[in-house]
PDB file of all heavy atoms in Angstrom:
ATOM      1  N   ALA A   1     -53.886  10.082  83.305  1.00  0.00           N
ATOM      2  CA  ALA A   1     -52.561   9.723  82.955  1.00  0.00           C
ATOM      3  C   ALA A   1     -51.569  10.730  83.594  1.00  0.00           C
ATOM      4  O   ALA A   1     -51.769  11.923  83.657  1.00  0.00           O
ATOM      5  CB  ALA A   1     -52.259   9.654  81.418  1.00  0.00           C
ATOM      6  N   ASN A   2     -50.408  10.196  84.092  1.00  0.00           N
ATOM      7  CA  ASN A   2     -49.353  11.078  84.675  1.00  0.00           C
ATOM      8  C   ASN A   2     -49.769  11.841  85.884  1.00  0.00           C
ATOM      9  O   ASN A   2     -49.138  12.857  86.272  1.00  0.00           O
ATOM     10  CB  ASN A   2     -48.727  11.950  83.628  1.00  0.00           C
ATOM     11  CG  ASN A   2     -48.197  11.232  82.508  1.00  0.00           C
ATOM     12  OD1 ASN A   2     -47.467  10.233  82.643  1.00  0.00           O
ATOM     13  ND2 ASN A   2     -48.668  11.565  81.243  1.00  0.00           N
ATOM     14  N   ALA A   3     -50.843  11.338  86.670  1.00  0.00           N
ATOM     15  CA  ALA A   3     -51.217  12.037  87.898  1.00  0.00           C
ATOM     16  C   ALA A   3     -50.068  11.792  88.972  1.00  0.00           C
ATOM     17  O   ALA A   3     -49.417  10.731  88.922  1.00  0.00           O
ATOM     18  CB  ALA A   3     -52.516  11.352  88.411  1.00  0.00           C
ATOM     19  N   PRO A   4     -49.973  12.703  89.765  1.00  0.00           N
ATOM     20  CA  PRO A   4     -48.855  12.488  90.884  1.00  0.00           C
ATOM     21  C   PRO A   4     -49.260  11.366  91.819  1.00  0.00           C
ATOM     22  O   PRO A   4     -50.477  11.102  92.011  1.00  0.00           O
ATOM     23  CB  PRO A   4     -48.813  13.855  91.552  1.00  0.00           C
ATOM     24  CG  PRO A   4     -50.099  14.473  91.315  1.00  0.00           C
ATOM     25  CD  PRO A   4     -50.584  13.992  89.996  1.00  0.00           C
ATOM     26  N   GLY A   5     -48.263  10.612  92.333  1.00  0.00           N
ATOM     27  CA  GLY A   5     -48.466   9.613  93.251  1.00  0.00           C
ATOM     28  C   GLY A   5     -49.013  10.150  94.623  1.00  0.00           C
ATOM     29  O   GLY A   5     -48.834  11.304  94.853  1.00  0.00           O
ATOM     30  N   PHE A   6     -49.518   9.253  95.448  1.00  0.00           N
ATOM     31  CA  PHE A   6     -50.022   9.680  96.662  1.00  0.00           C
ATOM     32  C   PHE A   6     -50.217   8.491  97.600  1.00  0.00           C
ATOM     33  O   PHE A   6     -50.201   7.321  97.097  1.00  0.00           O
ATOM     34  CB  PHE A   6     -51.323  10.414  96.562  1.00  0.00           C
ATOM     35  CG  PHE A   6     -52.507   9.596  96.048  1.00  0.00           C
ATOM     36  CD1 PHE A   6     -53.378   8.857  96.901  1.00  0.00           C
ATOM     37  CD2 PHE A   6     -52.790   9.594  94.684  1.00  0.00           C
ATOM     38  CE1 PHE A   6     -54.464   8.070  96.402  1.00  0.00           C
ATOM     39  CE2 PHE A   6     -53.808   8.816  94.188  1.00  0.00           C
ATOM     40  CZ  PHE A   6     -54.649   8.093  95.072  1.00  0.00           C
ATOM     41  N   THR A   7     -50.388   8.683  98.886  1.00  0.00           N
ATOM     42  CA  THR A   7     -50.658   7.791  99.891  1.00  0.00           C
ATOM     43  C   THR A   7     -51.925   8.131 100.660  1.00  0.00           C
ATOM     44  O   THR A   7     -52.016   9.385 100.971  1.00  0.00           O
ATOM     45  CB  THR A   7     -49.500   7.554 100.850  1.00  0.00           C
ATOM     46  OG1 THR A   7     -48.346   7.205 100.075  1.00  0.00           O
ATOM     47  CG2 THR A   7     -49.700   6.513 101.982  1.00  0.00           C
ATOM     48  N   ARG A   8     -52.815   7.236 100.989  1.00  0.00           N
ATOM     49  CA  ARG A   8     -54.002   7.504 101.720  1.00  0.00           C
ATOM     50  C   ARG A   8     -54.259   6.382 102.691  1.00  0.00           C
ATOM     51  O   ARG A   8     -54.096   5.174 102.381  1.00  0.00           O
ATOM     52  CB  ARG A   8     -55.167   7.507 100.702  1.00  0.00           C
ATOM     53  CG  ARG A   8     -56.453   8.017 101.358  1.00  0.00           C
ATOM     54  CD  ARG A   8     -57.532   8.083 100.285  1.00  0.00           C
ATOM     55  NE  ARG A   8     -57.171   9.170  99.346  1.00  0.00           N
ATOM     56  CZ  ARG A   8     -57.789   9.414  98.176  1.00  0.00           C
ATOM     57  NH1 ARG A   8     -58.763   8.636  97.801  1.00  0.00           N
ATOM     58  NH2 ARG A   8     -57.485  10.429  97.399  1.00  0.00           N
ATOM     59  N   SER A   9     -54.534   6.721 103.947  1.00  0.00           N
ATOM     60  CA  SER A   9     -54.715   5.747 105.000  1.00  0.00           C
ATOM     61  C   SER A   9     -56.238   5.788 105.338  1.00  0.00           C
ATOM     62  O   SER A   9     -56.968   6.737 105.233  1.00  0.00           O
ATOM     63  CB  SER A   9     -54.004   6.087 106.226  1.00  0.00           C
ATOM     64  OG  SER A   9     -52.633   5.980 106.103  1.00  0.00           O
ATOM     65  N   TYR A  10     -56.656   4.596 105.871  1.00  0.00           N
ATOM     66  CA  TYR A  10     -58.067   4.330 106.226  1.00  0.00           C
ATOM     67  C   TYR A  10     -58.117   3.855 107.628  1.00  0.00           C
ATOM     68  O   TYR A  10     -58.419   2.649 107.944  1.00  0.00           O
ATOM     69  CB  TYR A  10     -58.741   3.321 105.288  1.00  0.00           C
ATOM     70  CG  TYR A  10     -58.672   3.783 103.822  1.00  0.00           C
ATOM     71  CD1 TYR A  10     -57.560   3.450 103.043  1.00  0.00           C
ATOM     72  CD2 TYR A  10     -59.630   4.676 103.227  1.00  0.00           C
ATOM     73  CE1 TYR A  10     -57.441   3.899 101.732  1.00  0.00           C
ATOM     74  CE2 TYR A  10     -59.449   5.083 101.992  1.00  0.00           C
ATOM     75  CZ  TYR A  10     -58.426   4.718 101.216  1.00  0.00           C
ATOM     76  OH  TYR A  10     -58.327   5.118  99.899  1.00  0.00           O
ATOM     77  N   PRO A  11     -58.042   4.787 108.676  1.00  0.00           N
ATOM     78  CA  PRO A  11     -58.038   4.320 110.019  1.00  0.00           C
ATOM     79  C   PRO A  11     -59.279   3.697 110.537  1.00  0.00           C
ATOM     80  O   PRO A  11     -59.306   2.855 111.522  1.00  0.00           O
ATOM     81  CB  PRO A  11     -57.608   5.600 110.888  1.00  0.00           C
ATOM     82  CG  PRO A  11     -57.974   6.731 109.916  1.00  0.00           C
ATOM     83  CD  PRO A  11     -57.841   6.158 108.580  1.00  0.00           C
ATOM     84  N   SER A  12     -60.438   4.061 109.977  1.00  0.00           N
ATOM     85  CA  SER A  12     -61.644   3.384 110.464  1.00  0.00           C
ATOM     86  C   SER A  12     -61.824   1.894 109.994  1.00  0.00           C
ATOM     87  O   SER A  12     -62.710   1.299 110.460  1.00  0.00           O
ATOM     88  CB  SER A  12     -62.840   4.265 109.772  1.00  0.00           C
ATOM     89  OG  SER A  12     -62.895   5.581 110.373  1.00  0.00           O
ATOM     90  N   PHE A  13     -60.960   1.550 109.153  1.00  0.00           N
ATOM     91  CA  PHE A  13     -60.945   0.089 108.665  1.00  0.00           C
ATOM     92  C   PHE A  13     -59.829  -0.707 109.195  1.00  0.00           C
ATOM     93  O   PHE A  13     -59.499  -1.721 108.547  1.00  0.00           O
ATOM     94  CB  PHE A  13     -61.054   0.064 107.111  1.00  0.00           C
ATOM     95  CG  PHE A  13     -62.416   0.649 106.616  1.00  0.00           C
ATOM     96  CD1 PHE A  13     -62.686   2.002 106.443  1.00  0.00           C
ATOM     97  CD2 PHE A  13     -63.467  -0.303 106.427  1.00  0.00           C
ATOM     98  CE1 PHE A  13     -63.865   2.393 106.070  1.00  0.00           C
ATOM     99  CE2 PHE A  13     -64.616   0.187 105.933  1.00  0.00           C
ATOM    100  CZ  PHE A  13     -64.887   1.580 105.776  1.00  0.00           C
ATOM    101  N   SER A  14     -59.287  -0.415 110.314  1.00  0.00           N
ATOM    102  CA  SER A  14     -58.213  -1.180 110.943  1.00  0.00           C
ATOM    103  C   SER A  14     -58.840  -2.638 111.145  1.00  0.00           C
ATOM    104  O   SER A  14     -59.972  -2.764 111.538  1.00  0.00           O
ATOM    105  CB  SER A  14     -57.753  -0.626 112.202  1.00  0.00           C
ATOM    106  OG  SER A  14     -57.102   0.637 111.992  1.00  0.00           O
ATOM    107  N   GLY A  15     -58.012  -3.672 110.938  1.00  0.00           N
ATOM    108  CA  GLY A  15     -58.390  -5.022 111.060  1.00  0.00           C
ATOM    109  C   GLY A  15     -59.199  -5.568 109.903  1.00  0.00           C
ATOM    110  O   GLY A  15     -59.624  -6.744 109.870  1.00  0.00           O
ATOM    111  N   ARG A  16     -59.485  -4.832 108.894  1.00  0.00           N
ATOM    112  CA  ARG A  16     -60.259  -5.236 107.726  1.00  0.00           C
ATOM    113  C   ARG A  16     -59.324  -5.635 106.572  1.00  0.00           C
ATOM    114  O   ARG A  16     -58.153  -5.084 106.510  1.00  0.00           O
ATOM    115  CB  ARG A  16     -61.184  -4.142 107.253  1.00  0.00           C
ATOM    116  CG  ARG A  16     -62.226  -3.715 108.351  1.00  0.00           C
ATOM    117  CD  ARG A  16     -63.164  -4.846 108.566  1.00  0.00           C
ATOM    118  NE  ARG A  16     -64.354  -4.381 109.364  1.00  0.00           N
ATOM    119  CZ  ARG A  16     -65.543  -4.562 109.182  1.00  0.00           C
ATOM    120  NH1 ARG A  16     -65.888  -5.196 108.162  1.00  0.00           N
ATOM    121  NH2 ARG A  16     -66.400  -4.158 110.081  1.00  0.00           N
ATOM    122  N   THR A  17     -59.718  -6.494 105.726  1.00  0.00           N
ATOM    123  CA  THR A  17     -59.018  -6.732 104.501  1.00  0.00           C
ATOM    124  C   THR A  17     -59.522  -5.808 103.424  1.00  0.00           C
ATOM    125  O   THR A  17     -60.774  -5.576 103.159  1.00  0.00           O
ATOM    126  CB  THR A  17     -59.230  -8.269 104.020  1.00  0.00           C
ATOM    127  OG1 THR A  17     -58.821  -9.046 105.097  1.00  0.00           O
ATOM    128  CG2 THR A  17     -58.530  -8.547 102.725  1.00  0.00           C
ATOM    129  N   VAL A  18     -58.602  -5.189 102.693  1.00  0.00           N
ATOM    130  CA  VAL A  18     -58.950  -4.265 101.580  1.00  0.00           C
ATOM    131  C   VAL A  18     -58.393  -4.791 100.347  1.00  0.00           C
ATOM    132  O   VAL A  18     -57.144  -5.114 100.243  1.00  0.00           O
ATOM    133  CB  VAL A  18     -58.353  -2.816 101.872  1.00  0.00           C
ATOM    134  CG1 VAL A  18     -58.577  -1.932 100.618  1.00  0.00           C
ATOM    135  CG2 VAL A  18     -58.961  -2.281 103.179  1.00  0.00           C
ATOM    136  N   ARG A  19     -59.228  -4.793  99.199  1.00  0.00           N
ATOM    137  CA  ARG A  19     -58.750  -5.280  98.001  1.00  0.00           C
ATOM    138  C   ARG A  19     -58.884  -4.243  96.902  1.00  0.00           C
ATOM    139  O   ARG A  19     -59.845  -3.347  97.025  1.00  0.00           O
ATOM    140  CB  ARG A  19     -59.712  -6.462  97.498  1.00  0.00           C
ATOM    141  CG  ARG A  19     -59.506  -7.615  98.471  1.00  0.00           C
ATOM    142  CD  ARG A  19     -60.512  -8.758  97.968  1.00  0.00           C
ATOM    143  NE  ARG A  19     -60.297 -10.018  98.777  1.00  0.00           N
ATOM    144  CZ  ARG A  19     -60.941 -10.361  99.870  1.00  0.00           C
ATOM    145  NH1 ARG A  19     -61.913  -9.495 100.353  1.00  0.00           N
ATOM    146  NH2 ARG A  19     -60.682 -11.435 100.510  1.00  0.00           N
ATOM    147  N   LEU A  20     -58.016  -4.167  95.998  1.00  0.00           N
ATOM    148  CA  LEU A  20     -58.093  -3.253  94.763  1.00  0.00           C
ATOM    149  C   LEU A  20     -58.729  -3.983  93.643  1.00  0.00           C
ATOM    150  O   LEU A  20     -58.284  -5.070  93.334  1.00  0.00           O
ATOM    151  CB  LEU A  20     -56.685  -2.907  94.336  1.00  0.00           C
ATOM    152  CG  LEU A  20     -55.799  -2.237  95.407  1.00  0.00           C
ATOM    153  CD1 LEU A  20     -54.296  -2.083  94.859  1.00  0.00           C
ATOM    154  CD2 LEU A  20     -56.370  -0.775  95.652  1.00  0.00           C
ATOM    155  N   VAL A  21     -59.736  -3.380  93.088  1.00  0.00           N
ATOM    156  CA  VAL A  21     -60.487  -4.023  91.971  1.00  0.00           C
ATOM    157  C   VAL A  21     -60.586  -2.962  90.761  1.00  0.00           C
ATOM    158  O   VAL A  21     -61.083  -1.843  90.954  1.00  0.00           O
ATOM    159  CB  VAL A  21     -61.846  -4.343  92.425  1.00  0.00           C
ATOM    160  CG1 VAL A  21     -62.707  -5.007  91.261  1.00  0.00           C
ATOM    161  CG2 VAL A  21     -61.880  -5.222  93.661  1.00  0.00           C
ATOM    162  N   SER A  22     -60.037  -3.364  89.706  1.00  0.00           N
ATOM    163  CA  SER A  22     -60.005  -2.533  88.511  1.00  0.00           C
ATOM    164  C   SER A  22     -61.500  -2.311  88.005  1.00  0.00           C
ATOM    165  O   SER A  22     -62.272  -3.264  88.027  1.00  0.00           O
ATOM    166  CB  SER A  22     -59.203  -3.101  87.311  1.00  0.00           C
ATOM    167  OG  SER A  22     -59.439  -2.367  86.217  1.00  0.00           O
ATOM    168  N   ILE A  23     -61.870  -1.135  87.658  1.00  0.00           N
ATOM    169  CA  ILE A  23     -63.152  -0.877  86.958  1.00  0.00           C
ATOM    170  C   ILE A  23     -63.012  -0.364  85.604  1.00  0.00           C
ATOM    171  O   ILE A  23     -63.834   0.238  84.973  1.00  0.00           O
ATOM    172  CB  ILE A  23     -64.115   0.012  87.829  1.00  0.00           C
ATOM    173  CG1 ILE A  23     -63.456   1.360  88.135  1.00  0.00           C
ATOM    174  CG2 ILE A  23     -64.591  -0.750  88.987  1.00  0.00           C
ATOM    175  CD1 ILE A  23     -64.374   2.169  88.983  1.00  0.00           C
ATOM    176  N   ASP A  24     -61.751  -0.647  85.034  1.00  0.00           N
ATOM    177  CA  ASP A  24     -61.410  -0.313  83.625  1.00  0.00           C
ATOM    178  C   ASP A  24     -61.535  -1.614  82.791  1.00  0.00           C
ATOM    179  O   ASP A  24     -61.547  -2.678  83.380  1.00  0.00           O
ATOM    180  CB  ASP A  24     -59.964   0.172  83.529  1.00  0.00           C
ATOM    181  CG  ASP A  24     -59.965   1.656  83.888  1.00  0.00           C
ATOM    182  OD1 ASP A  24     -60.937   2.426  83.706  1.00  0.00           O
ATOM    183  OD2 ASP A  24     -58.940   2.088  84.412  1.00  0.00           O
ATOM    184  N   MET A  25     -61.448  -1.418  81.575  1.00  0.00           N
ATOM    185  CA  MET A  25     -61.554  -2.569  80.619  1.00  0.00           C
ATOM    186  C   MET A  25     -60.256  -3.429  80.681  1.00  0.00           C
ATOM    187  O   MET A  25     -60.337  -4.612  80.401  1.00  0.00           O
ATOM    188  CB  MET A  25     -61.795  -2.122  79.192  1.00  0.00           C
ATOM    189  CG  MET A  25     -63.022  -1.365  78.919  1.00  0.00           C
ATOM    190  SD  MET A  25     -64.447  -2.448  79.388  1.00  0.00           S
ATOM    191  CE  MET A  25     -64.476  -3.599  78.084  1.00  0.00           C
ATOM    192  N   ASN A  26     -59.123  -2.922  81.195  1.00  0.00           N
ATOM    193  CA  ASN A  26     -57.850  -3.696  81.117  1.00  0.00           C
ATOM    194  C   ASN A  26     -57.868  -4.692  82.243  1.00  0.00           C
ATOM    195  O   ASN A  26     -57.040  -5.619  82.310  1.00  0.00           O
ATOM    196  CB  ASN A  26     -56.663  -2.802  81.172  1.00  0.00           C
ATOM    197  CG  ASN A  26     -56.482  -1.952  82.464  1.00  0.00           C
ATOM    198  OD1 ASN A  26     -57.230  -2.302  83.493  1.00  0.00           O
ATOM    199  ND2 ASN A  26     -55.611  -1.100  82.527  1.00  0.00           N
ATOM    200  N   GLY A  27     -58.614  -4.528  83.294  1.00  0.00           N
ATOM    201  CA  GLY A  27     -58.778  -5.554  84.335  1.00  0.00           C
ATOM    202  C   GLY A  27     -57.586  -5.602  85.345  1.00  0.00           C
ATOM    203  O   GLY A  27     -57.476  -6.534  86.143  1.00  0.00           O
ATOM    204  N   ALA A  28     -56.651  -4.724  85.290  1.00  0.00           N
ATOM    205  CA  ALA A  28     -55.499  -4.633  86.123  1.00  0.00           C
ATOM    206  C   ALA A  28     -55.412  -3.277  86.821  1.00  0.00           C
ATOM    207  O   ALA A  28     -55.851  -2.281  86.281  1.00  0.00           O
ATOM    208  CB  ALA A  28     -54.220  -5.009  85.442  1.00  0.00           C
ATOM    209  N   VAL A  29     -54.859  -3.250  87.990  1.00  0.00           N
ATOM    210  CA  VAL A  29     -54.508  -2.050  88.656  1.00  0.00           C
ATOM    211  C   VAL A  29     -52.997  -1.831  88.722  1.00  0.00           C
ATOM    212  O   VAL A  29     -52.293  -2.629  89.335  1.00  0.00           O
ATOM    213  CB  VAL A  29     -55.100  -2.037  90.088  1.00  0.00           C
ATOM    214  CG1 VAL A  29     -54.765  -0.699  90.824  1.00  0.00           C
ATOM    215  CG2 VAL A  29     -56.560  -2.273  90.166  1.00  0.00           C
ATOM    216  N   GLY A  30     -52.556  -0.826  88.012  1.00  0.00           N
ATOM    217  CA  GLY A  30     -51.060  -0.668  87.915  1.00  0.00           C
ATOM    218  C   GLY A  30     -50.582   0.401  88.858  1.00  0.00           C
ATOM    219  O   GLY A  30     -51.201   1.465  89.061  1.00  0.00           O
ATOM    220  N   GLY A  31     -49.429   0.178  89.469  1.00  0.00           N
ATOM    221  CA  GLY A  31     -48.711   1.161  90.310  1.00  0.00           C
ATOM    222  C   GLY A  31     -49.501   1.409  91.656  1.00  0.00           C
ATOM    223  O   GLY A  31     -49.203   2.465  92.233  1.00  0.00           O
ATOM    224  N   ALA A  32     -50.374   0.612  92.105  1.00  0.00           N
ATOM    225  CA  ALA A  32     -51.080   0.805  93.281  1.00  0.00           C
ATOM    226  C   ALA A  32     -50.917  -0.505  94.212  1.00  0.00           C
ATOM    227  O   ALA A  32     -50.898  -1.544  93.793  1.00  0.00           O
ATOM    228  CB  ALA A  32     -52.577   1.016  93.132  1.00  0.00           C
ATOM    229  N   SER A  33     -50.830  -0.198  95.579  1.00  0.00           N
ATOM    230  CA  SER A  33     -50.740  -1.342  96.383  1.00  0.00           C
ATOM    231  C   SER A  33     -51.418  -0.994  97.753  1.00  0.00           C
ATOM    232  O   SER A  33     -51.480   0.217  98.135  1.00  0.00           O
ATOM    233  CB  SER A  33     -49.272  -1.816  96.571  1.00  0.00           C
ATOM    234  OG  SER A  33     -48.583  -0.700  97.211  1.00  0.00           O
ATOM    235  N   ILE A  34     -51.748  -2.000  98.545  1.00  0.00           N
ATOM    236  CA  ILE A  34     -52.246  -1.840  99.875  1.00  0.00           C
ATOM    237  C   ILE A  34     -51.264  -2.503 100.874  1.00  0.00           C
ATOM    238  O   ILE A  34     -50.824  -3.585 100.594  1.00  0.00           O
ATOM    239  CB  ILE A  34     -53.657  -2.508 100.036  1.00  0.00           C
ATOM    240  CG1 ILE A  34     -54.718  -1.841  99.126  1.00  0.00           C
ATOM    241  CG2 ILE A  34     -54.158  -2.590 101.575  1.00  0.00           C
ATOM    242  CD1 ILE A  34     -55.172  -0.484  99.640  1.00  0.00           C
ATOM    243  N   ASP A  35     -50.964  -1.878 101.989  1.00  0.00           N
ATOM    244  CA  ASP A  35     -50.130  -2.456 102.999  1.00  0.00           C
ATOM    245  C   ASP A  35     -50.789  -2.104 104.359  1.00  0.00           C
ATOM    246  O   ASP A  35     -51.724  -1.248 104.502  1.00  0.00           O
ATOM    247  CB  ASP A  35     -48.685  -2.056 102.938  1.00  0.00           C
ATOM    248  CG  ASP A  35     -48.520  -0.688 103.386  1.00  0.00           C
ATOM    249  OD1 ASP A  35     -48.588  -0.346 104.615  1.00  0.00           O
ATOM    250  OD2 ASP A  35     -48.318   0.245 102.556  1.00  0.00           O
TER     251      ASP A  35
END
C-alpha cells in the first residue's frame, strides 16, 4: 500500500500484446496501465 508510482518498459517485447492480470482476491488491477 502507498508504494510510489513507476514506469517500466519492455523493449524485448516490441510487437507483442501485454495484458495485466490480477493475482489478488479482488480480481482487479488498480492504478496500472499498459501503453
